């Protein structure tokens, strides 16, 4: 049972991390943390953006996230890079849910509810 739960969590992490694709701010050198946890860190960043968007926060308020919780290595990202990342995530979530409804619904999460996935990953 534990192995199945691990596999489920890994699918969620990888699927949500893939939401941003190859954005310049999500390459391994830009994210602070253990390289083995890169998918988790990317997924948490995407989920946090999605949650703030779902709560009606403006793009300008969402891009303040890294200023309060530094997730990016070395220099602080440019505002236009952060804006691009936030818009990319918000557009993807609006069109496809977090990773497309098949993955999330198949894993017991609702695609339209980023908060459920956001709560699951740190608890794990």
Protein backbone atom coordinates (compact mmCIF):
# COMPACT_ATOMS: atom_id res chain seq x y z
CA UNK A 1 0.00 0.00 0.00
CA UNK A 2 2.84 2.38 0.85
CA UNK A 3 4.46 1.76 -2.55
CA UNK A 4 1.20 2.55 -4.33
CA UNK A 5 0.87 5.80 -2.38
CA UNK A 6 4.48 6.71 -3.25
CA UNK A 7 3.79 6.04 -6.93
CA UNK A 8 0.63 8.14 -6.78
CA UNK A 9 2.44 11.07 -5.15
CA UNK A 10 5.29 10.80 -7.66
CA UNK A 11 2.82 10.92 -10.57
CA UNK A 12 1.22 14.02 -9.09
CA UNK A 13 4.57 15.74 -8.52
CA UNK A 14 5.86 14.99 -12.02
CA UNK A 15 2.54 15.82 -13.68
CA UNK A 16 2.13 19.16 -11.97
CA UNK A 17 5.80 20.08 -12.42
CA UNK A 18 5.40 19.39 -16.14
CA UNK A 19 2.67 22.05 -16.28
CA UNK A 20 5.28 24.76 -16.65
CA UNK A 21 7.24 22.83 -19.26
CA UNK A 22 10.68 24.25 -19.87
CA UNK A 23 10.18 27.74 -18.50
CA UNK A 24 13.44 29.61 -17.88
CA UNK A 25 12.64 30.03 -14.17
CA UNK A 26 12.13 26.32 -13.52
CA UNK A 27 15.42 24.92 -14.80
CA UNK A 28 17.39 23.10 -12.06
CA UNK A 29 19.96 25.89 -11.67
CA UNK A 30 17.25 28.44 -10.82
CA UNK A 31 15.43 26.50 -8.09
CA UNK A 32 16.73 26.44 -4.50
CA UNK A 33 16.76 23.04 -2.84
CA UNK A 34 17.81 19.44 -3.16
CA UNK A 35 18.08 18.44 -6.86
CA UNK A 36 16.36 15.13 -6.08
CA UNK A 37 13.29 17.12 -4.98
CA UNK A 38 13.17 19.35 -8.06
CA UNK A 39 9.82 17.99 -9.27
CA UNK A 40 8.31 18.56 -5.82
CA UNK A 41 9.63 22.13 -5.68
CA UNK A 42 8.38 22.89 -9.19
CA UNK A 43 5.00 21.35 -8.39
CA UNK A 44 4.66 23.40 -5.21
CA UNK A 45 5.53 26.58 -7.11
CA UNK A 46 2.92 25.81 -9.79
CA UNK A 47 0.32 24.91 -7.18
CA UNK A 48 0.95 28.07 -5.18
CA UNK A 49 0.48 30.18 -8.31
CA UNK A 50 -2.69 28.23 -9.18
CA UNK A 51 -4.12 28.62 -5.66
CA UNK A 52 -3.48 32.36 -5.62
CA UNK A 53 -5.05 32.68 -9.07
CA UNK A 54 -8.07 30.63 -7.97
CA UNK A 55 -8.46 32.99 -4.99
CA UNK A 56 -8.66 35.92 -7.41
CA UNK A 57 -5.23 37.41 -6.78
CA UNK A 58 -3.86 39.63 -9.52
CA UNK A 59 -0.75 38.70 -11.49
CA UNK A 60 1.05 41.59 -9.79
CA UNK A 61 0.31 40.11 -6.34
CA UNK A 62 1.20 36.59 -7.40
CA UNK A 63 4.64 37.56 -8.69
CA UNK A 64 5.42 38.85 -5.20
CA UNK A 65 5.49 35.20 -4.05
CA UNK A 66 9.24 34.66 -4.56
CA UNK A 67 10.01 37.87 -2.69
CA UNK A 68 8.33 36.50 0.44
CA UNK A 69 9.36 32.84 -0.01
CA UNK A 70 12.63 32.64 -1.94
CA UNK A 71 12.39 29.66 -4.27
CA UNK A 72 14.82 30.92 -6.87
CA UNK A 73 18.59 30.62 -6.61
CA UNK A 74 21.11 33.44 -7.11
CA UNK A 75 19.62 36.70 -8.34
CA UNK A 76 15.96 37.52 -8.02
CA UNK A 77 14.14 36.89 -11.32
CA UNK A 78 13.16 39.85 -13.45
CA UNK A 79 9.55 40.98 -13.18
CA UNK A 80 8.90 40.09 -16.83
CA UNK A 81 10.17 36.52 -16.24
CA UNK A 82 7.91 36.13 -13.21
CA UNK A 83 4.97 37.60 -15.09
CA UNK A 84 5.58 35.17 -17.94
CA UNK A 85 5.66 32.20 -15.54
CA UNK A 86 2.50 33.28 -13.70
CA UNK A 87 0.57 33.90 -16.92
CA UNK A 88 1.75 30.58 -18.34
CA UNK A 89 0.59 28.64 -15.27
CA UNK A 90 -2.72 30.51 -15.03
CA UNK A 91 -3.49 29.98 -18.71
CA UNK A 92 -2.64 26.30 -18.49
CA UNK A 93 -4.79 25.80 -15.37
CA UNK A 94 -7.66 27.71 -16.96
CA UNK A 95 -7.54 25.57 -20.11
CA UNK A 96 -6.61 22.13 -18.78
CA UNK A 97 -6.85 22.09 -15.00
CA UNK A 98 -3.56 21.49 -13.25
CA UNK A 99 -2.28 18.74 -15.52
CA UNK A 100 -5.36 17.74 -17.40
CA UNK A 101 -8.31 16.11 -15.73
CA UNK A 102 -7.31 12.55 -16.58
CA UNK A 103 -4.19 12.50 -14.38
CA UNK A 104 -5.69 14.26 -11.41
CA UNK A 105 -9.05 12.54 -11.47
CA UNK A 106 -7.32 9.20 -11.94
CA UNK A 107 -5.37 9.93 -8.76
CA UNK A 108 -8.34 11.06 -6.72
CA UNK A 109 -7.79 14.82 -7.02
CA UNK A 110 -10.12 17.29 -8.62
CA UNK A 111 -8.54 19.16 -11.52
CA UNK A 112 -10.38 22.36 -10.66
CA UNK A 113 -9.16 22.36 -7.05
CA UNK A 114 -5.46 23.28 -6.80
CA UNK A 115 -5.73 23.61 -3.01
CA UNK A 116 -6.33 19.88 -2.54
CA UNK A 117 -3.11 19.03 -4.39
CA UNK A 118 -1.25 21.86 -2.67
CA UNK A 119 -2.22 20.45 0.74
CA UNK A 120 -1.34 16.89 -0.25
CA UNK A 121 2.27 17.39 -1.33
CA UNK A 122 3.69 19.14 1.76
CA UNK A 123 1.81 16.71 4.03
CA UNK A 124 3.48 13.82 2.25
